[in-house]
């Protein structure tokens, strides 16, 4: 009397997790913060698409977007970061068109 043969279990392969490219803005709370690198000057450019927050950080070339975001958050909440709010070209165009229709 023999045993029944066990069936081989299928191997479940999970996709590797990727690092995010878009982050949550600490100023407005929207998930529209992007980080770009300028390799010539070794700076990271941080921009928010909704509130037009703009900041620059000097970072080593080995840093990823997540590392720069963590450093940006620390400096933002400590108040040691100089940032500005850019005036959007889109909003200016909308204001000009609304002013011309009012006249």
Protein backbone atom coordinates (compact mmCIF):
# COMPACT_ATOMS: atom_id res chain seq x y z
CA UNK A 1 0.00 0.00 0.00
CA UNK A 2 1.52 3.18 -1.18
CA UNK A 3 0.94 6.78 -0.26
CA UNK A 4 -0.52 9.31 -2.59
CA UNK A 5 1.99 11.60 -4.13
CA UNK A 6 1.95 15.17 -2.85
CA UNK A 7 1.29 17.81 -5.44
CA UNK A 8 3.95 20.46 -5.77
CA UNK A 9 2.87 23.91 -4.53
CA UNK A 10 3.06 26.72 -7.09
CA UNK A 11 5.67 29.38 -6.44
CA UNK A 12 4.07 32.78 -5.87
CA UNK A 13 6.26 35.57 -7.18
CA UNK A 14 5.64 39.04 -5.90
CA UNK A 15 6.54 42.13 -7.88
CA UNK A 16 9.35 44.15 -6.30
CA UNK A 17 8.24 47.35 -4.61
CA UNK A 18 9.29 50.54 -6.35
CA UNK A 19 10.14 53.90 -4.83
CA UNK A 20 7.49 56.61 -5.27
CA UNK A 21 7.98 59.50 -7.71
CA UNK A 22 5.22 61.82 -6.42
CA UNK A 23 4.92 62.83 -2.77
CA UNK A 24 2.53 64.62 -0.42
CA UNK A 25 3.10 68.36 -0.07
CA UNK A 26 3.53 69.49 3.57
CA UNK A 27 2.02 72.88 2.75
CA UNK A 28 -1.26 71.99 1.01
CA UNK A 29 -1.57 68.24 1.75
CA UNK A 30 -2.07 67.23 -1.89
CA UNK A 31 -0.06 64.42 -3.46
CA UNK A 32 1.50 66.61 -6.15
CA UNK A 33 5.07 67.21 -4.96
CA UNK A 34 7.73 66.25 -7.51
CA UNK A 35 11.51 66.20 -7.17
CA UNK A 36 13.91 66.77 -10.07
CA UNK A 37 17.70 66.65 -10.01
CA UNK A 38 20.08 69.12 -11.63
CA UNK A 39 23.27 67.10 -11.90
CA UNK A 40 25.42 70.02 -13.04
CA UNK A 41 24.87 72.02 -9.84
CA UNK A 42 24.15 69.00 -7.59
CA UNK A 43 20.80 70.46 -6.52
CA UNK A 44 17.38 68.93 -6.12
CA UNK A 45 14.43 71.02 -7.29
CA UNK A 46 11.23 70.47 -5.35
CA UNK A 47 7.90 71.64 -6.82
CA UNK A 48 4.26 71.27 -5.85
CA UNK A 49 1.77 71.21 -8.69
CA UNK A 50 -1.20 72.54 -6.72
CA UNK A 51 0.13 75.26 -4.36
CA UNK A 52 3.21 76.13 -6.53
CA UNK A 53 5.70 75.60 -3.68
CA UNK A 54 9.28 75.76 -4.96
CA UNK A 55 12.50 74.90 -3.13
CA UNK A 56 16.07 73.90 -3.94
CA UNK A 57 18.34 71.66 -1.85
CA UNK A 58 21.97 70.77 -2.32
CA UNK A 59 22.26 66.99 -2.13
CA UNK A 60 24.86 64.35 -2.99
CA UNK A 61 24.43 62.60 -6.31
CA UNK A 62 23.83 59.26 -4.56
CA UNK A 63 20.50 60.43 -3.08
CA UNK A 64 17.17 59.27 -4.49
CA UNK A 65 13.88 61.18 -4.54
CA UNK A 66 12.77 59.58 -1.27
CA UNK A 67 15.95 60.70 0.51
CA UNK A 68 15.54 64.27 -0.71
CA UNK A 69 11.86 64.28 0.32
CA UNK A 70 12.76 63.17 3.86
CA UNK A 71 15.42 65.89 4.11
CA UNK A 72 12.98 68.45 2.70
CA UNK A 73 10.32 67.54 5.27
CA UNK A 74 12.79 67.83 8.15
CA UNK A 75 13.97 71.26 7.04
CA UNK A 76 10.42 72.44 6.22
CA UNK A 77 9.00 71.62 9.65
CA UNK A 78 12.08 72.99 11.47
CA UNK A 79 11.69 76.27 9.58
CA UNK A 80 15.26 76.20 8.25
CA UNK A 81 14.30 75.94 4.58
CA UNK A 82 13.93 78.90 2.23
CA UNK A 83 11.09 78.28 -0.20
CA UNK A 84 8.94 80.38 -2.49
CA UNK A 85 5.59 80.13 -4.21
CA UNK A 86 5.78 80.38 -7.98
CA UNK A 87 3.11 82.20 -9.90
CA UNK A 88 1.73 79.79 -12.46
CA UNK A 89 1.57 80.72 -16.12
CA UNK A 90 -1.75 78.91 -16.37
CA UNK A 91 -3.38 80.99 -13.63
CA UNK A 92 -2.13 84.22 -15.23
CA UNK A 93 -3.64 83.23 -18.56
CA UNK A 94 -6.98 82.44 -16.88
CA UNK A 95 -6.97 85.78 -15.05
CA UNK A 96 -6.26 87.70 -18.26
CA UNK A 97 -9.05 85.93 -20.10
CA UNK A 98 -11.52 86.56 -17.26
CA UNK A 99 -10.57 90.25 -17.13
CA UNK A 100 -11.11 90.68 -20.86
CA UNK A 101 -14.59 89.08 -20.64
CA UNK A 102 -15.57 91.36 -17.76
CA UNK A 103 -14.88 94.51 -19.77
